[in-house]
Amino acid sequence: MPPVPLNASEQYLFSQGGMQITLKGGPFNVTNARGELHLTNQRLVLIYGEAPHCISLFDLYDEDFDQPIFGSNYFSATIHTTEYTNVSLKACFNAGGSDPFMKLMIPLMAFVRQRRAELVRQSADPPPTAPPPPARPVAYYDPINPINAYAVVN
């Protein structure tokens, strides 16, 4: 069963059961758990045990896809979370489905990297400000006789 959309713009793209999921780091110490993987245009949802784990695509870094000679194809990535430093993710496709997953995941992650770069550029540029008003002199002095100063009254 697909996850419930977070908002109206979220689209459900892919689902695969029979996954072998490993999460290590932070509070996670899940090794070889059997579960499901769901992909939307905004997040990756891992369902194993009782509660699903939703991972924003913007939190995925160093994603990699490996096709070993012996064993199942797997997707691995590092998850940067706000509460914990890094969590490593490994999802093995024991029941197939790696090809359609990667055909969707590669362009999604390219878009995420492009959007991340835009956000970094926007945050690095200071917001535009109005130019300061021209400075108006408050007083003048006579260069020949500097003791004489003349005040400007508005």
C-alpha atoms as a PDB file:
ATOM      1  CA  MET A   1       0.000   0.000   0.000  1.00  0.00           C
ATOM      2  CA  PRO A   2       1.524   3.363  -1.010  1.00  0.00           C
ATOM      3  CA  PRO A   3       2.222   6.015   1.628  1.00  0.00           C
ATOM      4  CA  VAL A   4      -0.231   8.847   2.170  1.00  0.00           C
ATOM      5  CA  PRO A   5       0.875  11.969   0.227  1.00  0.00           C
ATOM      6  CA  LEU A   6       2.310  14.802   2.313  1.00  0.00           C
ATOM      7  CA  ASN A   7       0.751  17.478   0.107  1.00  0.00           C
ATOM      8  CA  ALA A   8      -1.057  17.920  -3.202  1.00  0.00           C
ATOM      9  CA  SER A   9       2.185  18.115  -5.212  1.00  0.00           C
ATOM     10  CA  GLU A  10       3.578  14.765  -4.013  1.00  0.00           C
ATOM     11  CA  GLN A  11       3.312  11.976  -6.581  1.00  0.00           C
ATOM     12  CA  TYR A  12       3.709   8.278  -5.887  1.00  0.00           C
ATOM     13  CA  LEU A  13       6.278   6.795  -8.317  1.00  0.00           C
ATOM     14  CA  PHE A  14       7.519   3.342  -7.278  1.00  0.00           C
ATOM     15  CA  SER A  15       7.042   0.511  -4.800  1.00  0.00           C
ATOM     16  CA  GLN A  16       9.056  -2.636  -4.185  1.00  0.00           C
ATOM     17  CA  GLY A  17       8.566  -5.351  -1.605  1.00  0.00           C
ATOM     18  CA  GLY A  18      11.049  -7.999  -0.525  1.00  0.00           C
ATOM     19  CA  MET A  19      13.722  -5.434   0.262  1.00  0.00           C
ATOM     20  CA  GLN A  20      16.575  -5.997   2.686  1.00  0.00           C
ATOM     21  CA  ILE A  21      17.103  -2.703   4.548  1.00  0.00           C
ATOM     22  CA  THR A  22      20.108  -1.684   6.649  1.00  0.00           C
ATOM     23  CA  LEU A  23      20.289   1.631   8.547  1.00  0.00           C
ATOM     24  CA  LYS A  24      23.303   2.455  10.725  1.00  0.00           C
ATOM     25  CA  GLY A  25      24.132   5.593  12.632  1.00  0.00           C
ATOM     26  CA  GLY A  26      22.380   7.917  15.039  1.00  0.00           C
ATOM     27  CA  PRO A  27      19.566   6.036  16.778  1.00  0.00           C
ATOM     28  CA  PHE A  28      19.365   3.442  13.977  1.00  0.00           C
ATOM     29  CA  ASN A  29      20.919   0.026  14.201  1.00  0.00           C
ATOM     30  CA  VAL A  30      18.789  -1.913  11.748  1.00  0.00           C
ATOM     31  CA  THR A  31      20.556  -4.742   9.962  1.00  0.00           C
ATOM     32  CA  ASN A  32      19.048  -6.824   7.160  1.00  0.00           C
ATOM     33  CA  ALA A  33      15.430  -6.036   8.009  1.00  0.00           C
ATOM     34  CA  ARG A  34      12.842  -7.250   5.514  1.00  0.00           C
ATOM     35  CA  GLY A  35      10.523  -4.572   4.251  1.00  0.00           C
ATOM     36  CA  GLU A  36       9.212  -2.359   1.485  1.00  0.00           C
ATOM     37  CA  LEU A  37      10.589   0.661  -0.302  1.00  0.00           C
ATOM     38  CA  HIS A  38       8.313   3.390  -1.690  1.00  0.00           C
ATOM     39  CA  LEU A  39       9.503   6.326  -3.790  1.00  0.00           C
ATOM     40  CA  THR A  40       7.649   9.590  -4.343  1.00  0.00           C
ATOM     41  CA  ASN A  41       8.851  12.761  -6.008  1.00  0.00           C
ATOM     42  CA  GLN A  42       9.680  14.190  -2.546  1.00  0.00           C
ATOM     43  CA  ARG A  43      10.742  11.330  -0.291  1.00  0.00           C
ATOM     44  CA  LEU A  44      11.834   7.753   0.142  1.00  0.00           C
ATOM     45  CA  VAL A  45       9.670   5.695   2.505  1.00  0.00           C
ATOM     46  CA  LEU A  46      11.098   2.564   4.124  1.00  0.00           C
ATOM     47  CA  ILE A  47       8.589   0.254   5.789  1.00  0.00           C
ATOM     48  CA  TYR A  48       9.904  -2.471   8.051  1.00  0.00           C
ATOM     49  CA  GLY A  49       8.700  -3.481  11.472  1.00  0.00           C
ATOM     50  CA  GLU A  50       5.853  -1.366  12.798  1.00  0.00           C
ATOM     51  CA  ALA A  51       6.646   2.213  11.780  1.00  0.00           C
ATOM     52  CA  PRO A  52       7.624   3.625   8.379  1.00  0.00           C
ATOM     53  CA  HIS A  53      10.685   5.839   8.041  1.00  0.00           C
ATOM     54  CA  CYS A  54      10.277   8.803   5.698  1.00  0.00           C
ATOM     55  CA  ILE A  55      13.452  10.266   4.234  1.00  0.00           C
ATOM     56  CA  SER A  56      13.313  13.518   2.293  1.00  0.00           C
ATOM     57  CA  LEU A  57      15.223  13.325  -0.980  1.00  0.00           C
ATOM     58  CA  PHE A  58      16.967  16.556   0.074  1.00  0.00           C
ATOM     59  CA  ASP A  59      18.483  14.650   3.029  1.00  0.00           C
ATOM     60  CA  LEU A  60      20.111  12.009   0.780  1.00  0.00           C
ATOM     61  CA  TYR A  61      23.772  12.473  -0.129  1.00  0.00           C
ATOM     62  CA  ASP A  62      26.470  10.294  -1.682  1.00  0.00           C
ATOM     63  CA  GLU A  63      23.889   8.050  -3.305  1.00  0.00           C
ATOM     64  CA  ASP A  64      25.277   5.037  -5.141  1.00  0.00           C
ATOM     65  CA  PHE A  65      23.898   2.031  -6.968  1.00  0.00           C
ATOM     66  CA  ASP A  66      25.910  -1.187  -7.054  1.00  0.00           C
ATOM     67  CA  GLN A  67      25.422  -4.295  -9.149  1.00  0.00           C
ATOM     68  CA  PRO A  68      27.685  -6.964  -7.645  1.00  0.00           C
ATOM     69  CA  ILE A  69      28.530 -10.084  -9.629  1.00  0.00           C
ATOM     70  CA  PHE A  70      27.231 -12.271  -6.813  1.00  0.00           C
ATOM     71  CA  GLY A  71      24.335 -11.029  -4.706  1.00  0.00           C
ATOM     72  CA  SER A  72      21.514  -8.560  -5.103  1.00  0.00           C
ATOM     73  CA  ASN A  73      21.717  -5.084  -6.590  1.00  0.00           C
ATOM     74  CA  TYR A  74      21.594  -2.411  -3.911  1.00  0.00           C
ATOM     75  CA  PHE A  75      21.137   1.299  -3.430  1.00  0.00           C
ATOM     76  CA  SER A  76      23.232   3.024  -0.776  1.00  0.00           C
ATOM     77  CA  ALA A  77      23.273   6.600   0.456  1.00  0.00           C
ATOM     78  CA  THR A  78      24.141   8.789   3.415  1.00  0.00           C
ATOM     79  CA  ILE A  79      21.272  10.507   5.192  1.00  0.00           C
ATOM     80  CA  HIS A  80      22.010  13.884   6.801  1.00  0.00           C
ATOM     81  CA  THR A  81      19.396  14.526   9.451  1.00  0.00           C
ATOM     82  CA  THR A  82      18.860  17.512  11.692  1.00  0.00           C
ATOM     83  CA  GLU A  83      18.958  15.470  14.900  1.00  0.00           C
ATOM     84  CA  TYR A  84      21.822  13.131  14.036  1.00  0.00           C
ATOM     85  CA  THR A  85      24.993  13.566  12.061  1.00  0.00           C
ATOM     86  CA  ASN A  86      24.972  10.816   9.429  1.00  0.00           C
ATOM     87  CA  VAL A  87      22.984   7.647   8.911  1.00  0.00           C
ATOM     88  CA  SER A  88      24.074   5.148   6.279  1.00  0.00           C
ATOM     89  CA  LEU A  89      21.357   3.472   4.232  1.00  0.00           C
ATOM     90  CA  LYS A  90      21.618   0.293   2.213  1.00  0.00           C
ATOM     91  CA  ALA A  91      18.587  -1.158   0.425  1.00  0.00           C
ATOM     92  CA  CYS A  92      19.072  -4.502  -1.351  1.00  0.00           C
ATOM     93  CA  PHE A  93      16.694  -5.449  -4.163  1.00  0.00           C
ATOM     94  CA  ASN A  94      16.309  -9.165  -3.371  1.00  0.00           C
ATOM     95  CA  ALA A  95      13.068  -9.538  -5.354  1.00  0.00           C
ATOM     96  CA  GLY A  96      14.100  -7.478  -8.412  1.00  0.00           C
ATOM     97  CA  GLY A  97      12.891  -3.994  -9.260  1.00  0.00           C
ATOM     98  CA  SER A  98      16.258  -2.249  -9.212  1.00  0.00           C
ATOM     99  CA  ASP A  99      16.143  -1.168 -12.872  1.00  0.00           C
ATOM    100  CA  PRO A 100      12.847   0.787 -12.718  1.00  0.00           C
ATOM    101  CA  PHE A 101      13.903   2.247  -9.354  1.00  0.00           C
ATOM    102  CA  MET A 102      17.167   3.582 -10.755  1.00  0.00           C
ATOM    103  CA  LYS A 103      15.481   4.934 -13.919  1.00  0.00           C
ATOM    104  CA  LEU A 104      13.356   7.084 -11.593  1.00  0.00           C
ATOM    105  CA  MET A 105      15.946   7.810  -8.904  1.00  0.00           C
ATOM    106  CA  ILE A 106      18.749   9.118 -11.157  1.00  0.00           C
ATOM    107  CA  PRO A 107      16.756  12.054 -12.636  1.00  0.00           C
ATOM    108  CA  LEU A 108      15.136  12.771  -9.255  1.00  0.00           C
ATOM    109  CA  MET A 109      18.510  13.065  -7.522  1.00  0.00           C
ATOM    110  CA  ALA A 110      19.891  15.182 -10.397  1.00  0.00           C
ATOM    111  CA  PHE A 111      16.989  17.592  -9.827  1.00  0.00           C
ATOM    112  CA  VAL A 112      17.614  17.553  -6.055  1.00  0.00           C
ATOM    113  CA  ARG A 113      21.321  18.368  -6.526  1.00  0.00           C
ATOM    114  CA  GLN A 114      20.427  21.217  -8.902  1.00  0.00           C
ATOM    115  CA  ARG A 115      17.827  22.599  -6.471  1.00  0.00           C
ATOM    116  CA  ARG A 116      20.284  22.315  -3.547  1.00  0.00           C
ATOM    117  CA  ALA A 117      22.863  24.336  -5.522  1.00  0.00           C
ATOM    118  CA  GLU A 118      20.247  27.009  -6.276  1.00  0.00           C
ATOM    119  CA  LEU A 119      19.314  27.260  -2.599  1.00  0.00           C
ATOM    120  CA  VAL A 120      22.966  27.567  -1.573  1.00  0.00           C
ATOM    121  CA  ARG A 121      23.513  30.297  -4.176  1.00  0.00           C
ATOM    122  CA  GLN A 122      20.437  32.175  -2.984  1.00  0.00           C
ATOM    123  CA  SER A 123      21.495  31.981   0.659  1.00  0.00           C
ATOM    124  CA  ALA A 124      25.060  33.096  -0.175  1.00  0.00           C
ATOM    125  CA  ASP A 125      23.912  36.223  -1.997  1.00  0.00           C
ATOM    126  CA  PRO A 126      22.867  39.010   0.353  1.00  0.00           C
ATOM    127  CA  PRO A 127      19.339  40.254  -0.250  1.00  0.00           C
ATOM    128  CA  PRO A 128      19.145  43.369  -2.392  1.00  0.00           C
ATOM    129  CA  THR A 129      18.995  46.570  -0.406  1.00  0.00           C
ATOM    130  CA  ALA A 130      18.045  50.096  -1.324  1.00  0.00           C
ATOM    131  CA  PRO A 131      20.985  52.404  -1.927  1.00  0.00           C
ATOM    132  CA  PRO A 132      21.703  54.734   0.975  1.00  0.00           C
ATOM    133  CA  PRO A 133      20.484  58.301   0.569  1.00  0.00           C
ATOM    134  CA  PRO A 134      23.151  60.751  -0.534  1.00  0.00           C
ATOM    135  CA  ALA A 135      25.014  62.273   2.347  1.00  0.00           C
ATOM    136  CA  ARG A 136      24.087  65.876   2.964  1.00  0.00           C
ATOM    137  CA  PRO A 137      26.700  68.115   4.504  1.00  0.00           C
ATOM    138  CA  VAL A 138      25.780  69.406   7.941  1.00  0.00           C
ATOM    139  CA  ALA A 139      28.282  72.275   8.051  1.00  0.00           C
ATOM    140  CA  TYR A 140      30.801  73.998   5.852  1.00  0.00           C
ATOM    141  CA  TYR A 141      33.978  75.777   6.851  1.00  0.00           C
ATOM    142  CA  ASP A 142      35.957  78.454   5.141  1.00  0.00           C
ATOM    143  CA  PRO A 143      39.252  76.945   3.942  1.00  0.00           C
ATOM    144  CA  ILE A 144      40.934  80.343   4.039  1.00  0.00           C
ATOM    145  CA  ASN A 145      39.809  81.046   7.605  1.00  0.00           C
ATOM    146  CA  PRO A 146      38.933  77.631   9.198  1.00  0.00           C
ATOM    147  CA  ILE A 147      37.702  79.296  12.382  1.00  0.00           C
ATOM    148  CA  ASN A 148      34.536  80.318  10.502  1.00  0.00           C
ATOM    149  CA  ALA A 149      32.022  77.401  10.246  1.00  0.00           C
ATOM    150  CA  TYR A 150      28.642  77.693   8.600  1.00  0.00           C
ATOM    151  CA  ALA A 151      25.783  75.409   9.699  1.00  0.00           C
ATOM    152  CA  VAL A 152      23.167  74.109   7.224  1.00  0.00           C
ATOM    153  CA  VAL A 153      19.592  74.512   8.430  1.00  0.00           C
ATOM    154  CA  ASN A 154      16.783  72.542   6.785  1.00  0.00           C
END
